[in-house]
C-alpha cells in the first residue's frame, strides 16, 4: 500500500499530467468535430491541437511555479508582521 504522504506529494504531478494531456486531447477532438462540420480537414484539428498544447504548457508552468516555490518538506512559514 502507498504511504498517504507519498500520495499527497504525487497528486499535483498527476493533476498536471492529466491537465496537460487533457487540454491537447480536447483541442484535437474539438478540432476534428469542427473539421467534419465545416469541411476544413485537417486544419481545425491541427490548429486547436496547438492551442491545446499552449494551454497545457501554460497550465503546467503555472502549477510548477505554484508547487515549486518551496521544498515540499519545509513547514509553512508565518507571514511577516
Protein backbone atom coordinates (compact mmCIF):
# COMPACT_ATOMS: atom_id res chain seq x y z
CA UNK A 1 0.00 0.00 0.00
CA UNK A 2 1.20 3.50 -0.80
CA UNK A 3 2.04 5.79 2.09
CA UNK A 4 -0.50 8.67 2.38
CA UNK A 5 2.32 11.22 2.41
CA UNK A 6 3.62 9.84 -0.88
CA UNK A 7 0.13 10.05 -2.36
CA UNK A 8 -0.17 13.69 -1.30
CA UNK A 9 3.15 14.54 -2.90
CA UNK A 10 2.27 12.72 -6.14
CA UNK A 11 -1.20 14.23 -6.53
CA UNK A 12 -0.05 17.58 -8.03
CA UNK A 13 2.13 15.79 -10.58
CA UNK A 14 -0.73 13.56 -11.63
CA UNK A 15 -3.05 16.56 -11.91
CA UNK A 16 -0.54 18.43 -14.09
CA UNK A 17 -0.08 15.43 -16.36
CA UNK A 18 -3.82 14.93 -16.72
CA UNK A 19 -4.42 18.64 -17.35
CA UNK A 20 -1.65 18.82 -19.94
CA UNK A 21 -2.72 15.78 -21.93
CA UNK A 22 -6.42 16.57 -21.46
CA UNK A 23 -6.10 20.03 -22.97
CA UNK A 24 -4.32 18.68 -26.05
CA UNK A 25 -6.84 15.86 -26.40
CA UNK A 26 -9.79 18.25 -26.01
CA UNK A 27 -8.36 20.60 -28.64
CA UNK A 28 -7.84 17.74 -31.07
CA UNK A 29 -11.36 16.38 -30.52
CA UNK A 30 -13.00 19.78 -30.90
CA UNK A 31 -10.90 20.45 -33.99
CA UNK A 32 -11.84 17.11 -35.55
CA UNK A 33 -15.51 17.78 -34.87
CA UNK A 34 -15.25 21.25 -36.43
CA UNK A 35 -13.36 19.83 -39.41
CA UNK A 36 -16.15 17.36 -40.01
CA UNK A 37 -18.83 20.04 -39.62
CA UNK A 38 -17.11 22.69 -41.74
CA UNK A 39 -15.20 20.51 -44.21
CA UNK A 40 -11.84 22.08 -43.37
CA UNK A 41 -9.90 18.88 -42.65
CA UNK A 42 -7.23 18.82 -41.14
CA UNK A 43 -6.73 22.50 -40.32
CA UNK A 44 -9.05 22.93 -37.36
CA UNK A 45 -7.73 19.77 -35.69
CA UNK A 46 -4.14 20.92 -36.15
CA UNK A 47 -4.84 24.46 -35.03
CA UNK A 48 -6.84 23.53 -31.97
CA UNK A 49 -4.29 20.85 -31.05
CA UNK A 50 -1.68 23.61 -30.99
CA UNK A 51 -3.98 25.78 -28.89
CA UNK A 52 -4.40 22.83 -26.52
CA UNK A 53 -0.64 22.39 -26.40
CA UNK A 54 -0.18 26.06 -25.49
CA UNK A 55 -2.93 25.84 -22.89
CA UNK A 56 -1.47 22.67 -21.38
CA UNK A 57 2.01 24.19 -21.26
CA UNK A 58 0.68 27.31 -19.55
CA UNK A 59 -1.17 25.15 -17.02
CA UNK A 60 1.94 23.06 -16.32
CA UNK A 61 4.16 26.13 -15.90
CA UNK A 62 1.70 27.79 -13.53
CA UNK A 63 1.41 24.61 -11.47
CA UNK A 64 5.20 24.28 -11.36
CA UNK A 65 5.54 27.86 -10.16
CA UNK A 66 2.88 27.33 -7.50
CA UNK A 67 4.14 23.98 -6.21
CA UNK A 68 7.82 24.50 -6.90
CA UNK A 69 8.11 27.71 -4.87
CA UNK A 70 9.28 25.90 -1.73
CA UNK A 71 10.55 22.42 -0.97
CA UNK A 72 7.69 20.05 -0.04
CA UNK A 73 9.14 19.11 3.36
CA UNK A 74 9.52 22.67 4.68
CA UNK A 75 6.93 23.71 7.25
CA UNK A 76 4.80 26.70 6.27
CA UNK A 77 6.25 30.00 7.42
CA UNK A 78 4.07 32.58 9.19
CA UNK A 79 3.55 35.81 7.22
CA UNK A 80 5.84 38.68 8.16
CA UNK A 81 4.38 41.28 10.53
